[in-house]
Amino acid sequence: MIKPVIFSILNNPNWTDYLDFALSTILVIFFNLFVLYFIKRRFVNISNGILSVLFIIGSLLDLASLRIIAAISIGIITIISMFTNLAEIRSLLANKSSQKINDKGLNKKNNVPDNLYSHEDLYNTIDEATRYLSKHKIGAIMTFERKDNLLEISKNGTLLDAPVTYELLVTIFYPGTRLHDGAVVIRGNKILAASVYYTPTTKPLIGKFGSRHRAAIGISEICDAVTVVVSEETGKISIAYNGEIESYTPDDFRKAFANIMAQTDVLSVDSTIGGMPVEE
């Protein structure tokens, strides 16, 4: 297409031939640049707009080469864009499908059925981690899901779906790690999420309460979860449930925690287990 135009210009110069040749050359360069950048949505729209204008100019001025190249370029760009978009749509649908499957799994009340893990082993792990955190005065807040699903609340943190282990809990709360602020949410024997933040309680409290204790009471006011808190200042261990909070010695904690977790409607724990006022 270009050669006839060149020969036409050489044999019988005409301004339309020059224009046709110049615009066709620009169009070829433009198209090569388009292929080089290979389909960006905004670039596709700009490209087709420019090509459409050039096609109209070619038609009005009877510039055959320009008109033909513009039309072919629009067609090629449209086809490439269509296949690229289809690939992106398939990828998006695949990702959404994967996310739905993941959310569906996380939304289950128990990620692992009760009979597939030992409650005693879980309580022992929590007791061991809590003792360590208390001894070293490492602030921590661990929330245990019960009947009320905590997935939506957990989404403001980092979803983990990791096994509950002493090593992982101690590592998460160790000062300086990326997830040490906020709460760990535990479902069954899995850590559902870490670095989860709760709205602190707004009710007046008697005594000195830190932000972790207020957050623990706050979450206990809106659901039936049980939350264990370790004070960063004193190392005291507390359990928040049903809008209330009690403090326990390291030796009494294991029994109190197991009792609360084993009951459905526990309003308070017998003082003989080790209840005492809470101080941050």
C-alpha atoms as a PDB file:
ATOM      1  CA  MET A   1       0.000   0.000   0.000  1.00  0.00           C
ATOM      2  CA  ILE A   2       2.832   2.377   0.868  1.00  0.00           C
ATOM      3  CA  LYS A   3       4.864   1.762  -2.331  1.00  0.00           C
ATOM      4  CA  PRO A   4       2.117   2.902  -4.750  1.00  0.00           C
ATOM      5  CA  VAL A   5       1.806   6.101  -2.761  1.00  0.00           C
ATOM      6  CA  ILE A   6       5.594   6.720  -2.915  1.00  0.00           C
ATOM      7  CA  PHE A   7       5.670   6.096  -6.682  1.00  0.00           C
ATOM      8  CA  SER A   8       2.646   8.357  -7.082  1.00  0.00           C
ATOM      9  CA  ILE A   9       4.407  11.153  -5.214  1.00  0.00           C
ATOM     10  CA  LEU A  10       7.579  10.742  -7.269  1.00  0.00           C
ATOM     11  CA  ASN A  11       5.778  10.687 -10.633  1.00  0.00           C
ATOM     12  CA  ASN A  12       3.017  13.181 -10.040  1.00  0.00           C
ATOM     13  CA  PRO A  13       3.435  15.135  -6.781  1.00  0.00           C
ATOM     14  CA  ASN A  14       0.160  16.033  -5.100  1.00  0.00           C
ATOM     15  CA  TRP A  15      -0.449  17.373  -1.610  1.00  0.00           C
ATOM     16  CA  THR A  16      -2.951  14.596  -0.863  1.00  0.00           C
ATOM     17  CA  ASP A  17      -0.355  11.973  -1.716  1.00  0.00           C
ATOM     18  CA  TYR A  18       2.124  13.599   0.675  1.00  0.00           C
ATOM     19  CA  LEU A  19      -0.548  13.768   3.367  1.00  0.00           C
ATOM     20  CA  ASP A  20      -1.590  10.177   2.755  1.00  0.00           C
ATOM     21  CA  PHE A  21       2.010   8.981   2.957  1.00  0.00           C
ATOM     22  CA  ALA A  22       2.799  11.033   6.097  1.00  0.00           C
ATOM     23  CA  LEU A  23      -0.317  10.036   7.989  1.00  0.00           C
ATOM     24  CA  SER A  24       0.051   6.389   6.992  1.00  0.00           C
ATOM     25  CA  THR A  25       3.646   6.406   8.256  1.00  0.00           C
ATOM     26  CA  ILE A  26       2.558   7.985  11.546  1.00  0.00           C
ATOM     27  CA  LEU A  27      -0.201   5.414  11.794  1.00  0.00           C
ATOM     28  CA  VAL A  28       2.207   2.516  11.343  1.00  0.00           C
ATOM     29  CA  ILE A  29       4.517   3.923  14.055  1.00  0.00           C
ATOM     30  CA  PHE A  30       1.557   4.527  16.333  1.00  0.00           C
ATOM     31  CA  PHE A  31       0.310   0.979  15.838  1.00  0.00           C
ATOM     32  CA  ASN A  32       3.758  -0.455  16.611  1.00  0.00           C
ATOM     33  CA  LEU A  33       3.846   1.558  19.822  1.00  0.00           C
ATOM     34  CA  PHE A  34       0.438   0.206  20.692  1.00  0.00           C
ATOM     35  CA  VAL A  35       1.595  -3.383  20.202  1.00  0.00           C
ATOM     36  CA  LEU A  36       4.716  -2.592  22.247  1.00  0.00           C
ATOM     37  CA  TYR A  37       2.684  -1.407  25.227  1.00  0.00           C
ATOM     38  CA  PHE A  38       0.160  -4.172  24.531  1.00  0.00           C
ATOM     39  CA  ILE A  39      -3.299  -3.288  25.626  1.00  0.00           C
ATOM     40  CA  LYS A  40      -3.887  -0.863  28.428  1.00  0.00           C
ATOM     41  CA  ARG A  41      -7.576  -0.026  28.687  1.00  0.00           C
ATOM     42  CA  ARG A  42      -7.098   3.733  28.699  1.00  0.00           C
ATOM     43  CA  PHE A  43      -4.581   3.446  25.867  1.00  0.00           C
ATOM     44  CA  VAL A  44      -7.012   1.306  23.858  1.00  0.00           C
ATOM     45  CA  ASN A  45      -9.718   3.966  24.104  1.00  0.00           C
ATOM     46  CA  ILE A  46      -7.305   6.737  23.073  1.00  0.00           C
ATOM     47  CA  SER A  47      -5.939   4.598  20.226  1.00  0.00           C
ATOM     48  CA  ASN A  48      -9.323   3.784  18.767  1.00  0.00           C
ATOM     49  CA  GLY A  49     -10.374   7.414  19.092  1.00  0.00           C
ATOM     50  CA  ILE A  50      -7.336   8.648  17.160  1.00  0.00           C
ATOM     51  CA  LEU A  51      -7.697   5.888  14.565  1.00  0.00           C
ATOM     52  CA  SER A  52     -11.348   6.745  14.068  1.00  0.00           C
ATOM     53  CA  VAL A  53     -10.485  10.399  13.453  1.00  0.00           C
ATOM     54  CA  LEU A  54      -7.790   9.370  10.960  1.00  0.00           C
ATOM     55  CA  PHE A  55     -10.230   7.048   9.205  1.00  0.00           C
ATOM     56  CA  ILE A  56     -12.718   9.906   8.836  1.00  0.00           C
ATOM     57  CA  ILE A  57      -9.971  12.220   7.496  1.00  0.00           C
ATOM     58  CA  GLY A  58      -8.926   9.510   5.058  1.00  0.00           C
ATOM     59  CA  SER A  59     -12.492   9.120   3.862  1.00  0.00           C
ATOM     60  CA  LEU A  60     -13.147  12.868   3.513  1.00  0.00           C
ATOM     61  CA  LEU A  61      -9.889  13.554   1.647  1.00  0.00           C
ATOM     62  CA  ASP A  62      -9.952  10.305  -0.299  1.00  0.00           C
ATOM     63  CA  LEU A  63      -6.684   9.091   1.268  1.00  0.00           C
ATOM     64  CA  ALA A  64      -6.955   5.399   0.444  1.00  0.00           C
ATOM     65  CA  SER A  65      -3.866   4.158   2.305  1.00  0.00           C
ATOM     66  CA  LEU A  66      -4.757   6.048   5.466  1.00  0.00           C
ATOM     67  CA  ARG A  67      -8.351   4.882   5.381  1.00  0.00           C
ATOM     68  CA  ILE A  68      -7.452   1.230   4.845  1.00  0.00           C
ATOM     69  CA  ILE A  69      -4.662   1.137   7.472  1.00  0.00           C
ATOM     70  CA  ALA A  70      -6.855   2.935  10.024  1.00  0.00           C
ATOM     71  CA  ALA A  71      -9.697   0.467   9.490  1.00  0.00           C
ATOM     72  CA  ILE A  72      -7.383  -2.559   9.740  1.00  0.00           C
ATOM     73  CA  SER A  73      -5.686  -1.128  12.847  1.00  0.00           C
ATOM     74  CA  ILE A  74      -9.030  -0.547  14.602  1.00  0.00           C
ATOM     75  CA  GLY A  75     -10.043  -4.124  13.826  1.00  0.00           C
ATOM     76  CA  ILE A  76      -6.774  -5.627  15.082  1.00  0.00           C
ATOM     77  CA  ILE A  77      -6.759  -3.520  18.269  1.00  0.00           C
ATOM     78  CA  THR A  78     -10.390  -4.441  18.976  1.00  0.00           C
ATOM     79  CA  ILE A  79      -9.688  -8.166  18.557  1.00  0.00           C
ATOM     80  CA  ILE A  80      -6.559  -8.066  20.736  1.00  0.00           C
ATOM     81  CA  SER A  81      -8.380  -6.037  23.382  1.00  0.00           C
ATOM     82  CA  MET A  82     -11.326  -8.440  23.357  1.00  0.00           C
ATOM     83  CA  PHE A  83      -9.161 -11.512  23.934  1.00  0.00           C
ATOM     84  CA  THR A  84      -7.141  -9.707  26.604  1.00  0.00           C
ATOM     85  CA  ASN A  85     -10.322  -8.682  28.430  1.00  0.00           C
ATOM     86  CA  LEU A  86     -11.657 -12.228  28.241  1.00  0.00           C
ATOM     87  CA  ALA A  87      -8.449 -13.485  29.850  1.00  0.00           C
ATOM     88  CA  GLU A  88      -8.767 -10.859  32.593  1.00  0.00           C
ATOM     89  CA  ILE A  89     -12.429 -11.753  33.158  1.00  0.00           C
ATOM     90  CA  ARG A  90     -11.578 -15.448  33.462  1.00  0.00           C
ATOM     91  CA  SER A  91      -8.809 -14.606  35.933  1.00  0.00           C
ATOM     92  CA  LEU A  92     -11.150 -12.357  37.945  1.00  0.00           C
ATOM     93  CA  LEU A  93     -13.868 -15.010  38.061  1.00  0.00           C
ATOM     94  CA  ALA A  94     -11.325 -17.602  39.159  1.00  0.00           C
ATOM     95  CA  ASN A  95     -10.110 -15.324  41.958  1.00  0.00           C
ATOM     96  CA  LYS A  96     -13.659 -14.549  43.103  1.00  0.00           C
ATOM     97  CA  SER A  97     -14.528 -18.244  43.051  1.00  0.00           C
ATOM     98  CA  SER A  98     -11.464 -19.010  45.149  1.00  0.00           C
ATOM     99  CA  GLN A  99     -12.359 -16.204  47.596  1.00  0.00           C
ATOM    100  CA  LYS A 100     -15.946 -17.492  47.910  1.00  0.00           C
ATOM    101  CA  ILE A 101     -14.672 -20.984  48.650  1.00  0.00           C
ATOM    102  CA  ASN A 102     -12.257 -19.581  51.226  1.00  0.00           C
ATOM    103  CA  ASP A 103     -14.931 -17.407  52.866  1.00  0.00           C
ATOM    104  CA  LYS A 104     -17.351 -20.319  52.841  1.00  0.00           C
ATOM    105  CA  GLY A 105     -14.801 -22.391  54.697  1.00  0.00           C
ATOM    106  CA  LEU A 106     -14.023 -19.596  57.164  1.00  0.00           C
ATOM    107  CA  ASN A 107     -17.738 -18.953  57.718  1.00  0.00           C
ATOM    108  CA  LYS A 108     -18.291 -22.452  59.027  1.00  0.00           C
ATOM    109  CA  LYS A 109     -19.064 -22.411  62.733  1.00  0.00           C
ATOM    110  CA  ASN A 110     -16.300 -24.864  63.479  1.00  0.00           C
ATOM    111  CA  ASN A 111     -13.392 -24.987  61.090  1.00  0.00           C
ATOM    112  CA  VAL A 112     -12.486 -28.334  62.672  1.00  0.00           C
ATOM    113  CA  PRO A 113     -15.240 -30.493  64.222  1.00  0.00           C
ATOM    114  CA  ASP A 114     -15.036 -30.816  68.008  1.00  0.00           C
ATOM    115  CA  ASN A 115     -14.229 -34.507  67.865  1.00  0.00           C
ATOM    116  CA  LEU A 116     -11.169 -33.953  65.654  1.00  0.00           C
ATOM    117  CA  TYR A 117      -9.084 -32.107  68.227  1.00  0.00           C
ATOM    118  CA  SER A 118      -8.521 -32.313  71.942  1.00  0.00           C
ATOM    119  CA  HIS A 119      -9.958 -29.490  74.004  1.00  0.00           C
ATOM    120  CA  GLU A 120      -7.529 -30.376  76.775  1.00  0.00           C
ATOM    121  CA  ASP A 121      -4.580 -29.963  74.425  1.00  0.00           C
ATOM    122  CA  LEU A 122      -5.923 -26.571  73.319  1.00  0.00           C
ATOM    123  CA  TYR A 123      -6.401 -25.402  76.914  1.00  0.00           C
ATOM    124  CA  ASN A 124      -2.904 -26.577  77.807  1.00  0.00           C
ATOM    125  CA  THR A 125      -1.437 -24.674  74.848  1.00  0.00           C
ATOM    126  CA  ILE A 126      -3.289 -21.486  75.808  1.00  0.00           C
ATOM    127  CA  ASP A 127      -2.240 -21.909  79.443  1.00  0.00           C
ATOM    128  CA  GLU A 128       1.426 -22.379  78.474  1.00  0.00           C
ATOM    129  CA  ALA A 129       1.429 -19.354  76.149  1.00  0.00           C
ATOM    130  CA  THR A 130      -0.446 -17.190  78.669  1.00  0.00           C
ATOM    131  CA  ARG A 131       1.982 -18.071  81.461  1.00  0.00           C
ATOM    132  CA  TYR A 132       4.939 -17.105  79.278  1.00  0.00           C
ATOM    133  CA  LEU A 133       3.343 -13.830  78.175  1.00  0.00           C
ATOM    134  CA  SER A 134       2.410 -12.998  81.773  1.00  0.00           C
ATOM    135  CA  LYS A 135       5.869 -13.810  83.134  1.00  0.00           C
ATOM    136  CA  HIS A 136       7.586 -11.605  80.542  1.00  0.00           C
ATOM    137  CA  LYS A 137       4.895  -8.887  80.687  1.00  0.00           C
ATOM    138  CA  ILE A 138       4.087  -9.147  77.000  1.00  0.00           C
ATOM    139  CA  GLY A 139       0.702  -7.614  76.230  1.00  0.00           C
ATOM    140  CA  ALA A 140      -1.733  -9.963  74.527  1.00  0.00           C
ATOM    141  CA  ILE A 141      -5.420 -10.377  73.742  1.00  0.00           C
ATOM    142  CA  MET A 142      -6.866 -13.705  72.536  1.00  0.00           C
ATOM    143  CA  THR A 143     -10.519 -14.097  71.613  1.00  0.00           C
ATOM    144  CA  PHE A 144     -12.179 -17.513  71.355  1.00  0.00           C
ATOM    145  CA  GLU A 145     -15.169 -17.819  69.055  1.00  0.00           C
ATOM    146  CA  ARG A 146     -18.202 -19.627  70.413  1.00  0.00           C
ATOM    147  CA  LYS A 147     -21.689 -19.580  68.854  1.00  0.00           C
ATOM    148  CA  ASP A 148     -21.421 -16.128  67.263  1.00  0.00           C
ATOM    149  CA  ASN A 149     -19.426 -16.070  64.025  1.00  0.00           C
ATOM    150  CA  LEU A 150     -16.461 -13.659  64.194  1.00  0.00           C
ATOM    151  CA  LEU A 151     -15.361 -13.725  60.559  1.00  0.00           C
ATOM    152  CA  GLU A 152     -16.639 -10.240  59.682  1.00  0.00           C
ATOM    153  CA  ILE A 153     -14.990  -8.726  62.763  1.00  0.00           C
ATOM    154  CA  SER A 154     -11.782 -10.605  61.948  1.00  0.00           C
ATOM    155  CA  LYS A 155     -11.580  -9.116  58.461  1.00  0.00           C
ATOM    156  CA  ASN A 156     -10.238  -5.827  59.834  1.00  0.00           C
ATOM    157  CA  GLY A 157      -7.121  -7.784  60.814  1.00  0.00           C
ATOM    158  CA  THR A 158      -5.019 -10.364  58.957  1.00  0.00           C
ATOM    159  CA  LEU A 159      -6.726 -13.685  58.198  1.00  0.00           C
ATOM    160  CA  LEU A 160      -4.402 -16.595  59.002  1.00  0.00           C
ATOM    161  CA  ASP A 161      -6.306 -19.886  59.403  1.00  0.00           C
ATOM    162  CA  ALA A 162      -3.224 -21.320  61.161  1.00  0.00           C
ATOM    163  CA  PRO A 163      -2.992 -23.991  63.879  1.00  0.00           C
ATOM    164  CA  VAL A 164      -2.932 -22.835  67.497  1.00  0.00           C
ATOM    165  CA  THR A 165       0.554 -23.477  68.850  1.00  0.00           C
ATOM    166  CA  TYR A 166       2.526 -22.083  71.754  1.00  0.00           C
ATOM    167  CA  GLU A 167       5.318 -20.940  69.439  1.00  0.00           C
ATOM    168  CA  LEU A 168       3.004 -19.107  67.047  1.00  0.00           C
ATOM    169  CA  LEU A 169       1.070 -17.293  69.779  1.00  0.00           C
ATOM    170  CA  VAL A 170       4.244 -16.137  71.543  1.00  0.00           C
ATOM    171  CA  THR A 171       5.732 -15.025  68.222  1.00  0.00           C
ATOM    172  CA  ILE A 172       2.627 -13.076  67.190  1.00  0.00           C
ATOM    173  CA  PHE A 173       2.511 -11.071  70.419  1.00  0.00           C
ATOM    174  CA  TYR A 174       6.254 -10.530  70.719  1.00  0.00           C
ATOM    175  CA  PRO A 175       6.896  -6.739  70.675  1.00  0.00           C
ATOM    176  CA  GLY A 176       8.077  -5.497  67.316  1.00  0.00           C
ATOM    177  CA  THR A 177       6.401  -8.144  65.160  1.00  0.00           C
ATOM    178  CA  ARG A 178       3.955  -6.888  62.541  1.00  0.00           C
ATOM    179  CA  LEU A 179       0.921  -8.590  64.117  1.00  0.00           C
ATOM    180  CA  HIS A 180       1.582  -7.987  67.811  1.00  0.00           C
ATOM    181  CA  ASP A 181      -0.923  -5.130  68.101  1.00  0.00           C
ATOM    182  CA  GLY A 182      -4.574  -6.069  68.233  1.00  0.00           C
ATOM    183  CA  ALA A 183      -6.219  -9.384  69.059  1.00  0.00           C
ATOM    184  CA  VAL A 184      -5.862 -12.958  67.887  1.00  0.00           C
ATOM    185  CA  VAL A 185      -9.196 -14.600  67.028  1.00  0.00           C
ATOM    186  CA  ILE A 186      -9.296 -18.360  67.589  1.00  0.00           C
ATOM    187  CA  ARG A 187     -11.902 -20.712  66.128  1.00  0.00           C
ATOM    188  CA  GLY A 188     -11.692 -24.256  67.411  1.00  0.00           C
ATOM    189  CA  ASN A 189      -8.012 -25.130  67.300  1.00  0.00           C
ATOM    190  CA  LYS A 190      -7.196 -22.666  64.511  1.00  0.00           C
ATOM    191  CA  ILE A 191      -6.074 -19.043  64.620  1.00  0.00           C
ATOM    192  CA  LEU A 192      -8.629 -17.397  62.363  1.00  0.00           C
ATOM    193  CA  ALA A 193      -6.946 -13.978  62.320  1.00  0.00           C
ATOM    194  CA  ALA A 194      -4.392 -11.756  64.044  1.00  0.00           C
ATOM    195  CA  SER A 195      -4.021  -8.012  64.573  1.00  0.00           C
ATOM    196  CA  VAL A 196      -7.810  -7.627  64.885  1.00  0.00           C
ATOM    197  CA  TYR A 197      -9.109  -4.455  66.509  1.00  0.00           C
ATOM    198  CA  TYR A 198     -12.295  -4.138  68.577  1.00  0.00           C
ATOM    199  CA  THR A 199     -14.354  -1.139  69.573  1.00  0.00           C
ATOM    200  CA  PRO A 200     -13.565  -0.523  73.268  1.00  0.00           C
ATOM    201  CA  THR A 201     -16.362  -0.488  75.800  1.00  0.00           C
ATOM    202  CA  THR A 202     -17.803   2.910  76.612  1.00  0.00           C
ATOM    203  CA  LYS A 203     -19.361   1.985  79.933  1.00  0.00           C
ATOM    204  CA  PRO A 204     -17.820   3.475  83.085  1.00  0.00           C
ATOM    205  CA  LEU A 205     -15.434   1.066  84.801  1.00  0.00           C
ATOM    206  CA  ILE A 206     -14.208   0.950  88.379  1.00  0.00           C
ATOM    207  CA  GLY A 207     -10.432   0.704  88.593  1.00  0.00           C
ATOM    208  CA  LYS A 208      -7.614   1.171  86.144  1.00  0.00           C
ATOM    209  CA  PHE A 209      -8.190  -0.462  82.773  1.00  0.00           C
ATOM    210  CA  GLY A 210      -5.920  -0.341  79.767  1.00  0.00           C
ATOM    211  CA  SER A 211      -6.890  -0.340  76.096  1.00  0.00           C
ATOM    212  CA  ARG A 212      -6.636  -4.135  75.795  1.00  0.00           C
ATOM    213  CA  HIS A 213      -9.018  -4.691  78.704  1.00  0.00           C
ATOM    214  CA  ARG A 214     -11.496  -2.148  77.346  1.00  0.00           C
ATOM    215  CA  ALA A 215     -11.327  -3.781  73.924  1.00  0.00           C
ATOM    216  CA  ALA A 216     -11.859  -7.227  75.475  1.00  0.00           C
ATOM    217  CA  ILE A 217     -14.926  -6.010  77.360  1.00  0.00           C
ATOM    218  CA  GLY A 218     -16.138  -4.269  74.195  1.00  0.00           C
ATOM    219  CA  ILE A 219     -16.095  -7.454  72.099  1.00  0.00           C
ATOM    220  CA  SER A 220     -17.735  -9.404  74.935  1.00  0.00           C
ATOM    221  CA  GLU A 221     -20.633  -6.914  74.924  1.00  0.00           C
ATOM    222  CA  ILE A 222     -21.600  -7.665  71.317  1.00  0.00           C
ATOM    223  CA  CYS A 223     -21.052 -11.445  71.095  1.00  0.00           C
ATOM    224  CA  ASP A 224     -20.617 -14.559  73.223  1.00  0.00           C
ATOM    225  CA  ALA A 225     -16.848 -14.871  72.622  1.00  0.00           C
ATOM    226  CA  VAL A 226     -14.426 -15.432  75.494  1.00  0.00           C
ATOM    227  CA  THR A 227     -11.361 -13.158  75.525  1.00  0.00           C
ATOM    228  CA  VAL A 228      -8.120 -13.662  77.437  1.00  0.00           C
ATOM    229  CA  VAL A 229      -6.044 -10.554  78.177  1.00  0.00           C
ATOM    230  CA  VAL A 230      -2.467 -10.264  79.434  1.00  0.00           C
ATOM    231  CA  SER A 231      -1.447  -6.871  80.813  1.00  0.00           C
ATOM    232  CA  GLU A 232       1.695  -5.350  79.342  1.00  0.00           C
ATOM    233  CA  GLU A 233       2.310  -3.314  82.510  1.00  0.00           C
ATOM    234  CA  THR A 234       1.675  -5.858  85.243  1.00  0.00           C
ATOM    235  CA  GLY A 235       1.519  -9.241  83.497  1.00  0.00           C
ATOM    236  CA  LYS A 236      -1.915  -9.888  85.056  1.00  0.00           C
ATOM    237  CA  ILE A 237      -4.141 -12.406  83.279  1.00  0.00           C
ATOM    238  CA  SER A 238      -7.826 -11.605  82.768  1.00  0.00           C
ATOM    239  CA  ILE A 239     -10.828 -13.184  81.086  1.00  0.00           C
ATOM    240  CA  ALA A 240     -13.631 -11.082  79.573  1.00  0.00           C
ATOM    241  CA  TYR A 241     -17.041 -12.611  78.940  1.00  0.00           C
ATOM    242  CA  ASN A 242     -20.623 -11.351  78.810  1.00  0.00           C
ATOM    243  CA  GLY A 243     -19.567  -7.731  79.279  1.00  0.00           C
ATOM    244  CA  GLU A 244     -17.576  -8.481  82.444  1.00  0.00           C
ATOM    245  CA  ILE A 245     -13.898  -9.091  83.154  1.00  0.00           C
ATOM    246  CA  GLU A 246     -12.124 -11.033  85.916  1.00  0.00           C
ATOM    247  CA  SER A 247      -8.451 -11.371  86.765  1.00  0.00           C
ATOM    248  CA  TYR A 248      -6.727 -14.673  87.638  1.00  0.00           C
ATOM    249  CA  THR A 249      -3.374 -15.800  88.925  1.00  0.00           C
ATOM    250  CA  PRO A 250      -1.273 -17.929  86.538  1.00  0.00           C
ATOM    251  CA  ASP A 251      -2.010 -21.003  88.676  1.00  0.00           C
ATOM    252  CA  ASP A 252      -5.788 -20.432  88.626  1.00  0.00           C
ATOM    253  CA  PHE A 253      -6.101 -19.378  84.988  1.00  0.00           C
ATOM    254  CA  ARG A 254      -6.165 -22.858  83.380  1.00  0.00           C
ATOM    255  CA  LYS A 255      -9.094 -24.102  85.447  1.00  0.00           C
ATOM    256  CA  ALA A 256     -11.090 -20.871  85.128  1.00  0.00           C
ATOM    257  CA  PHE A 257     -10.571 -20.718  81.380  1.00  0.00           C
ATOM    258  CA  ALA A 258     -11.595 -24.360  80.880  1.00  0.00           C
ATOM    259  CA  ASN A 259     -14.720 -23.864  83.004  1.00  0.00           C
ATOM    260  CA  ILE A 260     -15.846 -20.810  81.039  1.00  0.00           C
ATOM    261  CA  MET A 261     -15.180 -22.458  77.689  1.00  0.00           C
ATOM    262  CA  ALA A 262     -17.054 -25.602  78.749  1.00  0.00           C
ATOM    263  CA  GLN A 263     -20.247 -23.733  79.620  1.00  0.00           C
ATOM    264  CA  THR A 264     -22.780 -22.166  77.275  1.00  0.00           C
ATOM    265  CA  ASP A 265     -24.273 -19.454  79.472  1.00  0.00           C
ATOM    266  CA  VAL A 266     -21.650 -18.503  82.021  1.00  0.00           C
ATOM    267  CA  LEU A 267     -22.321 -15.155  83.636  1.00  0.00           C
ATOM    268  CA  SER A 268     -19.543 -15.273  86.197  1.00  0.00           C
ATOM    269  CA  VAL A 269     -16.915 -17.595  87.596  1.00  0.00           C
ATOM    270  CA  ASP A 270     -16.959 -18.797  91.187  1.00  0.00           C
ATOM    271  CA  SER A 271     -14.591 -16.740  93.287  1.00  0.00           C
ATOM    272  CA  THR A 272     -13.003 -19.915  94.627  1.00  0.00           C
ATOM    273  CA  ILE A 273     -11.463 -20.412  91.198  1.00  0.00           C
ATOM    274  CA  GLY A 274      -9.411 -17.299  91.640  1.00  0.00           C
ATOM    275  CA  GLY A 275     -11.433 -14.236  90.678  1.00  0.00           C
ATOM    276  CA  MET A 276     -10.027 -10.888  91.739  1.00  0.00           C
ATOM    277  CA  PRO A 277     -10.311  -7.228  90.696  1.00  0.00           C
ATOM    278  CA  VAL A 278      -8.511  -6.289  87.530  1.00  0.00           C
ATOM    279  CA  GLU A 279      -5.700  -3.751  87.347  1.00  0.00           C
ATOM    280  CA  GLU A 280      -3.790  -2.842  84.189  1.00  0.00           C
END
